[in-house]
């Protein structure tokens, strides 16, 4: 899986995309509210780890998500 952090503008918040190995979009959610989206794709047990990754992730860079 891959993760991308997208910077919001003015009133639009920052968003996160999680994509599979074929770059199919699995989840698209606000950076400050990952819980529901992670539950839907089966990563509910990894919520805290993903939150830490999101905080450190630079904007606009695709990073391999090792979970």
PDB file of N, CA and C in Angstrom:
ATOM      1  N   UNK A   1       0.841  -1.182   0.000  1.00  0.00           N
ATOM      2  CA  UNK A   1       0.000   0.000   0.000  1.00  0.00           C
ATOM      3  C   UNK A   1       0.880   1.236   0.000  1.00  0.00           C
ATOM      4  N   UNK A   2       0.290   2.322  -0.477  1.00  0.00           N
ATOM      5  CA  UNK A   2       0.984   3.604  -0.543  1.00  0.00           C
ATOM      6  C   UNK A   2       0.111   4.673   0.099  1.00  0.00           C
ATOM      7  N   UNK A   3       0.759   5.709   0.621  1.00  0.00           N
ATOM      8  CA  UNK A   3       0.046   6.801   1.272  1.00  0.00           C
ATOM      9  C   UNK A   3       0.547   8.125   0.695  1.00  0.00           C
ATOM     10  N   UNK A   4      -0.375   9.063   0.513  1.00  0.00           N
ATOM     11  CA  UNK A   4      -0.066  10.390  -0.030  1.00  0.00           C
ATOM     12  C   UNK A   4      -0.794  11.420   0.825  1.00  0.00           C
ATOM     13  N   UNK A   5      -0.111  12.500   1.166  1.00  0.00           N
ATOM     14  CA  UNK A   5      -0.716  13.596   1.934  1.00  0.00           C
ATOM     15  C   UNK A   5      -0.896  14.790   1.001  1.00  0.00           C
ATOM     16  N   UNK A   6      -2.119  15.300   0.935  1.00  0.00           N
ATOM     17  CA  UNK A   6      -2.461  16.388   0.025  1.00  0.00           C
ATOM     18  C   UNK A   6      -2.796  17.637   0.844  1.00  0.00           C
ATOM     19  N   UNK A   7      -2.112  18.731   0.532  1.00  0.00           N
ATOM     20  CA  UNK A   7      -2.319  19.983   1.265  1.00  0.00           C
ATOM     21  C   UNK A   7      -3.632  20.640   0.845  1.00  0.00           C
ATOM     22  N   UNK A   8      -4.397  21.055   1.841  1.00  0.00           N
ATOM     23  CA  UNK A   8      -5.629  21.784   1.577  1.00  0.00           C
ATOM     24  C   UNK A   8      -5.348  23.253   1.347  1.00  0.00           C
ATOM     25  N   UNK A   9      -6.341  23.963   0.872  1.00  0.00           N
ATOM     26  CA  UNK A   9      -6.199  25.398   0.625  1.00  0.00           C
ATOM     27  C   UNK A   9      -7.298  26.135   1.376  1.00  0.00           C
ATOM     28  N   UNK A  10      -6.958  27.201   2.009  1.00  0.00           N
ATOM     29  CA  UNK A  10      -7.840  28.095   2.744  1.00  0.00           C
ATOM     30  C   UNK A  10      -8.838  27.308   3.604  1.00  0.00           C
ATOM     31  N   UNK A  11     -10.067  27.089   3.140  1.00  0.00           N
ATOM     32  CA  UNK A  11     -11.083  26.402   3.942  1.00  0.00           C
ATOM     33  C   UNK A  11     -11.105  24.892   3.721  1.00  0.00           C
ATOM     34  N   UNK A  12     -10.335  24.404   2.769  1.00  0.00           N
ATOM     35  CA  UNK A  12     -10.297  22.972   2.480  1.00  0.00           C
ATOM     36  C   UNK A  12      -9.185  22.341   3.322  1.00  0.00           C
ATOM     37  N   UNK A  13      -9.504  21.316   4.116  1.00  0.00           N
ATOM     38  CA  UNK A  13      -8.490  20.706   4.989  1.00  0.00           C
ATOM     39  C   UNK A  13      -7.517  19.810   4.210  1.00  0.00           C
ATOM     40  N   UNK A  14      -6.449  19.390   4.896  1.00  0.00           N
ATOM     41  CA  UNK A  14      -5.501  18.443   4.314  1.00  0.00           C
ATOM     42  C   UNK A  14      -6.174  17.074   4.209  1.00  0.00           C
ATOM     43  N   UNK A  15      -5.852  16.335   3.163  1.00  0.00           N
ATOM     44  CA  UNK A  15      -6.428  15.010   2.944  1.00  0.00           C
ATOM     45  C   UNK A  15      -5.341  13.971   2.766  1.00  0.00           C
ATOM     46  N   UNK A  16      -5.717  12.719   3.009  1.00  0.00           N
ATOM     47  CA  UNK A  16      -4.830  11.581   2.862  1.00  0.00           C
ATOM     48  C   UNK A  16      -5.450  10.612   1.862  1.00  0.00           C
ATOM     49  N   UNK A  17      -4.620  10.050   1.002  1.00  0.00           N
ATOM     50  CA  UNK A  17      -5.044   8.975   0.101  1.00  0.00           C
ATOM     51  C   UNK A  17      -4.247   7.733   0.461  1.00  0.00           C
ATOM     52  N   UNK A  18      -4.934   6.604   0.533  1.00  0.00           N
ATOM     53  CA  UNK A  18      -4.262   5.320   0.676  1.00  0.00           C
ATOM     54  C   UNK A  18      -4.599   4.523  -0.572  1.00  0.00           C
ATOM     55  N   UNK A  19      -3.547   4.025  -1.222  1.00  0.00           N
ATOM     56  CA  UNK A  19      -3.713   3.291  -2.483  1.00  0.00           C
ATOM     57  C   UNK A  19      -3.045   1.930  -2.375  1.00  0.00           C
ATOM     58  N   UNK A  20      -3.578   0.953  -3.121  1.00  0.00           N
ATOM     59  CA  UNK A  20      -2.975  -0.380  -3.120  1.00  0.00           C
ATOM     60  C   UNK A  20      -1.782  -0.415  -4.063  1.00  0.00           C
ATOM     61  N   UNK A  21      -1.207  -1.604  -4.263  1.00  0.00           N
ATOM     62  CA  UNK A  21      -0.004  -1.733  -5.087  1.00  0.00           C
ATOM     63  C   UNK A  21      -0.240  -1.428  -6.565  1.00  0.00           C
ATOM     64  N   UNK A  22      -1.487  -1.474  -7.016  1.00  0.00           N
ATOM     65  CA  UNK A  22      -1.820  -1.099  -8.389  1.00  0.00           C
ATOM     66  C   UNK A  22      -2.274   0.367  -8.463  1.00  0.00           C
ATOM     67  N   UNK A  23      -2.126   1.101  -7.359  1.00  0.00           N
ATOM     68  CA  UNK A  23      -2.496   2.507  -7.210  1.00  0.00           C
ATOM     69  C   UNK A  23      -4.005   2.751  -7.304  1.00  0.00           C
ATOM     70  N   UNK A  24      -4.787   1.735  -6.993  1.00  0.00           N
ATOM     71  CA  UNK A  24      -6.230   1.912  -6.887  1.00  0.00           C
ATOM     72  C   UNK A  24      -6.527   2.580  -5.557  1.00  0.00           C
ATOM     73  N   UNK A  25      -7.377   3.586  -5.568  1.00  0.00           N
ATOM     74  CA  UNK A  25      -7.710   4.324  -4.364  1.00  0.00           C
ATOM     75  C   UNK A  25      -8.502   3.445  -3.401  1.00  0.00           C
ATOM     76  N   UNK A  26      -7.967   3.252  -2.193  1.00  0.00           N
ATOM     77  CA  UNK A  26      -8.650   2.474  -1.162  1.00  0.00           C
ATOM     78  C   UNK A  26      -9.361   3.367  -0.168  1.00  0.00           C
ATOM     79  N   UNK A  27      -8.730   4.501   0.156  1.00  0.00           N
ATOM     80  CA  UNK A  27      -9.313   5.411   1.149  1.00  0.00           C
ATOM     81  C   UNK A  27      -8.886   6.840   0.845  1.00  0.00           C
ATOM     82  N   UNK A  28      -9.797   7.768   1.100  1.00  0.00           N
ATOM     83  CA  UNK A  28      -9.552   9.200   0.930  1.00  0.00           C
ATOM     84  C   UNK A  28     -10.235   9.873   2.110  1.00  0.00           C
ATOM     85  N   UNK A  29      -9.457  10.506   2.980  1.00  0.00           N
ATOM     86  CA  UNK A  29     -10.034  11.046   4.210  1.00  0.00           C
ATOM     87  C   UNK A  29      -9.248  12.257   4.698  1.00  0.00           C
ATOM     88  N   UNK A  30      -9.900  13.018   5.568  1.00  0.00           N
ATOM     89  CA  UNK A  30      -9.239  14.173   6.173  1.00  0.00           C
ATOM     90  C   UNK A  30      -8.108  13.700   7.070  1.00  0.00           C
ATOM     91  N   UNK A  31      -7.020  14.419   7.055  1.00  0.00           N
ATOM     92  CA  UNK A  31      -5.849  14.036   7.835  1.00  0.00           C
ATOM     93  C   UNK A  31      -6.129  14.031   9.332  1.00  0.00           C
ATOM     94  N   UNK A  32      -7.064  14.841   9.782  1.00  0.00           N
ATOM     95  CA  UNK A  32      -7.366  14.911  11.211  1.00  0.00           C
ATOM     96  C   UNK A  32      -8.457  13.935  11.655  1.00  0.00           C
ATOM     97  N   UNK A  33      -9.015  13.145  10.730  1.00  0.00           N
ATOM     98  CA  UNK A  33     -10.075  12.183  11.073  1.00  0.00           C
ATOM     99  C   UNK A  33      -9.888  10.850  10.336  1.00  0.00           C
ATOM    100  N   UNK A  34      -8.860  10.083  10.678  1.00  0.00           N
ATOM    101  CA  UNK A  34      -8.608   8.844   9.932  1.00  0.00           C
ATOM    102  C   UNK A  34      -9.377   7.611  10.412  1.00  0.00           C
ATOM    103  N   UNK A  35      -9.997   7.671  11.567  1.00  0.00           N
ATOM    104  CA  UNK A  35     -10.555   6.478  12.204  1.00  0.00           C
ATOM    105  C   UNK A  35     -11.573   5.730  11.337  1.00  0.00           C
ATOM    106  N   UNK A  36     -12.592   6.418  10.844  1.00  0.00           N
ATOM    107  CA  UNK A  36     -13.648   5.752  10.068  1.00  0.00           C
ATOM    108  C   UNK A  36     -13.103   5.133   8.786  1.00  0.00           C
ATOM    109  N   UNK A  37     -12.259   5.858   8.082  1.00  0.00           N
ATOM    110  CA  UNK A  37     -11.708   5.354   6.820  1.00  0.00           C
ATOM    111  C   UNK A  37     -10.820   4.138   7.058  1.00  0.00           C
ATOM    112  N   UNK A  38     -10.025   4.156   8.115  1.00  0.00           N
ATOM    113  CA  UNK A  38      -9.154   3.019   8.403  1.00  0.00           C
ATOM    114  C   UNK A  38      -9.972   1.795   8.800  1.00  0.00           C
ATOM    115  N   UNK A  39     -11.073   2.006   9.493  1.00  0.00           N
ATOM    116  CA  UNK A  39     -11.950   0.891   9.860  1.00  0.00           C
ATOM    117  C   UNK A  39     -12.542   0.248   8.607  1.00  0.00           C
ATOM    118  N   UNK A  40     -12.932   1.066   7.635  1.00  0.00           N
ATOM    119  CA  UNK A  40     -13.543   0.550   6.404  1.00  0.00           C
ATOM    120  C   UNK A  40     -12.589  -0.291   5.568  1.00  0.00           C
ATOM    121  N   UNK A  41     -11.289  -0.004   5.630  1.00  0.00           N
ATOM    122  CA  UNK A  41     -10.332  -0.778   4.823  1.00  0.00           C
ATOM    123  C   UNK A  41      -9.588  -1.830   5.656  1.00  0.00           C
ATOM    124  N   UNK A  42     -10.021  -2.034   6.895  1.00  0.00           N
ATOM    125  CA  UNK A  42      -9.462  -3.100   7.713  1.00  0.00           C
ATOM    126  C   UNK A  42      -8.184  -2.767   8.454  1.00  0.00           C
ATOM    127  N   UNK A  43      -7.878  -1.499   8.633  1.00  0.00           N
ATOM    128  CA  UNK A  43      -6.673  -1.088   9.360  1.00  0.00           C
ATOM    129  C   UNK A  43      -6.996  -0.448  10.702  1.00  0.00           C
ATOM    130  N   UNK A  44      -8.136  -0.791  11.253  1.00  0.00           N
ATOM    131  CA  UNK A  44      -8.581  -0.184  12.513  1.00  0.00           C
ATOM    132  C   UNK A  44      -7.567  -0.404  13.646  1.00  0.00           C
ATOM    133  N   UNK A  45      -6.933  -1.557  13.680  1.00  0.00           N
ATOM    134  CA  UNK A  45      -5.969  -1.853  14.743  1.00  0.00           C
ATOM    135  C   UNK A  45      -4.669  -1.058  14.590  1.00  0.00           C
ATOM    136  N   UNK A  46      -4.454  -0.456  13.439  1.00  0.00           N
ATOM    137  CA  UNK A  46      -3.227   0.292  13.155  1.00  0.00           C
ATOM    138  C   UNK A  46      -3.429   1.809  13.204  1.00  0.00           C
ATOM    139  N   UNK A  47      -4.536   2.264  13.763  1.00  0.00           N
ATOM    140  CA  UNK A  47      -4.885   3.687  13.731  1.00  0.00           C
ATOM    141  C   UNK A  47      -3.791   4.575  14.313  1.00  0.00           C
ATOM    142  N   UNK A  48      -3.263   4.245  15.469  1.00  0.00           N
ATOM    143  CA  UNK A  48      -2.247   5.093  16.107  1.00  0.00           C
ATOM    144  C   UNK A  48      -0.970   5.158  15.269  1.00  0.00           C
ATOM    145  N   UNK A  49      -0.577   4.038  14.700  1.00  0.00           N
ATOM    146  CA  UNK A  49       0.621   4.007  13.859  1.00  0.00           C
ATOM    147  C   UNK A  49       0.428   4.863  12.610  1.00  0.00           C
ATOM    148  N   UNK A  50      -0.747   4.768  11.999  1.00  0.00           N
ATOM    149  CA  UNK A  50      -1.028   5.557  10.798  1.00  0.00           C
ATOM    150  C   UNK A  50      -1.082   7.044  11.141  1.00  0.00           C
ATOM    151  N   UNK A  51      -1.628   7.402  12.293  1.00  0.00           N
ATOM    152  CA  UNK A  51      -1.656   8.811  12.715  1.00  0.00           C
ATOM    153  C   UNK A  51      -0.241   9.371  12.827  1.00  0.00           C
ATOM    154  N   UNK A  52       0.677   8.599  13.396  1.00  0.00           N
ATOM    155  CA  UNK A  52       2.074   9.053  13.506  1.00  0.00           C
ATOM    156  C   UNK A  52       2.702   9.218  12.129  1.00  0.00           C
ATOM    157  N   UNK A  53       2.417   8.291  11.227  1.00  0.00           N
ATOM    158  CA  UNK A  53       2.941   8.383   9.864  1.00  0.00           C
ATOM    159  C   UNK A  53       2.417   9.634   9.171  1.00  0.00           C
ATOM    160  N   UNK A  54       1.116   9.926   9.345  1.00  0.00           N
ATOM    161  CA  UNK A  54       0.499  11.105   8.730  1.00  0.00           C
ATOM    162  C   UNK A  54       1.161  12.388   9.220  1.00  0.00           C
ATOM    163  N   UNK A  55       1.454  12.467  10.508  1.00  0.00           N
ATOM    164  CA  UNK A  55       2.086  13.668  11.063  1.00  0.00           C
ATOM    165  C   UNK A  55       3.458  13.911  10.447  1.00  0.00           C
ATOM    166  N   UNK A  56       4.220  12.865  10.192  1.00  0.00           N
ATOM    167  CA  UNK A  56       5.582  12.997   9.675  1.00  0.00           C
ATOM    168  C   UNK A  56       5.642  13.058   8.152  1.00  0.00           C
ATOM    169  N   UNK A  57       4.565  12.704   7.489  1.00  0.00           N
ATOM    170  CA  UNK A  57       4.542  12.593   6.033  1.00  0.00           C
ATOM    171  C   UNK A  57       4.611  13.973   5.366  1.00  0.00           C
ATOM    172  N   UNK A  58       5.533  14.167   4.419  1.00  0.00           N
ATOM    173  CA  UNK A  58       5.576  15.439   3.695  1.00  0.00           C
ATOM    174  C   UNK A  58       4.430  15.516   2.682  1.00  0.00           C
ATOM    175  N   UNK A  59       4.011  16.716   2.365  1.00  0.00           N
ATOM    176  CA  UNK A  59       2.925  16.906   1.398  1.00  0.00           C
ATOM    177  C   UNK A  59       3.384  16.547  -0.007  1.00  0.00           C
ATOM    178  N   UNK A  60       2.511  15.857  -0.746  1.00  0.00           N
ATOM    179  CA  UNK A  60       2.744  15.581  -2.151  1.00  0.00           C
ATOM    180  C   UNK A  60       3.720  14.468  -2.471  1.00  0.00           C
ATOM    181  N   UNK A  61       4.226  13.766  -1.482  1.00  0.00           N
ATOM    182  CA  UNK A  61       5.184  12.681  -1.716  1.00  0.00           C
ATOM    183  C   UNK A  61       4.494  11.339  -1.490  1.00  0.00           C
ATOM    184  N   UNK A  62       4.643  10.432  -2.443  1.00  0.00           N
ATOM    185  CA  UNK A  62       4.098   9.087  -2.296  1.00  0.00           C
ATOM    186  C   UNK A  62       5.077   8.279  -1.458  1.00  0.00           C
ATOM    187  N   UNK A  63       4.546   7.618  -0.437  1.00  0.00           N
ATOM    188  CA  UNK A  63       5.394   6.816   0.440  1.00  0.00           C
ATOM    189  C   UNK A  63       4.785   5.435   0.588  1.00  0.00           C
ATOM    190  N   UNK A  64       5.613   4.412   0.582  1.00  0.00           N
ATOM    191  CA  UNK A  64       5.152   3.038   0.795  1.00  0.00           C
ATOM    192  C   UNK A  64       4.701   2.917   2.248  1.00  0.00           C
ATOM    193  N   UNK A  65       3.516   2.358   2.453  1.00  0.00           N
ATOM    194  CA  UNK A  65       2.953   2.190   3.792  1.00  0.00           C
ATOM    195  C   UNK A  65       3.249   0.763   4.244  1.00  0.00           C
ATOM    196  N   UNK A  66       4.184   0.631   5.153  1.00  0.00           N
ATOM    197  CA  UNK A  66       4.605  -0.674   5.663  1.00  0.00           C
ATOM    198  C   UNK A  66       3.855  -0.974   6.961  1.00  0.00           C
ATOM    199  N   UNK A  67       2.760  -1.705   6.848  1.00  0.00           N
ATOM    200  CA  UNK A  67       1.976  -2.072   8.048  1.00  0.00           C
ATOM    201  C   UNK A  67       1.789  -3.569   8.058  1.00  0.00           C
TER     202      UNK A  67
END
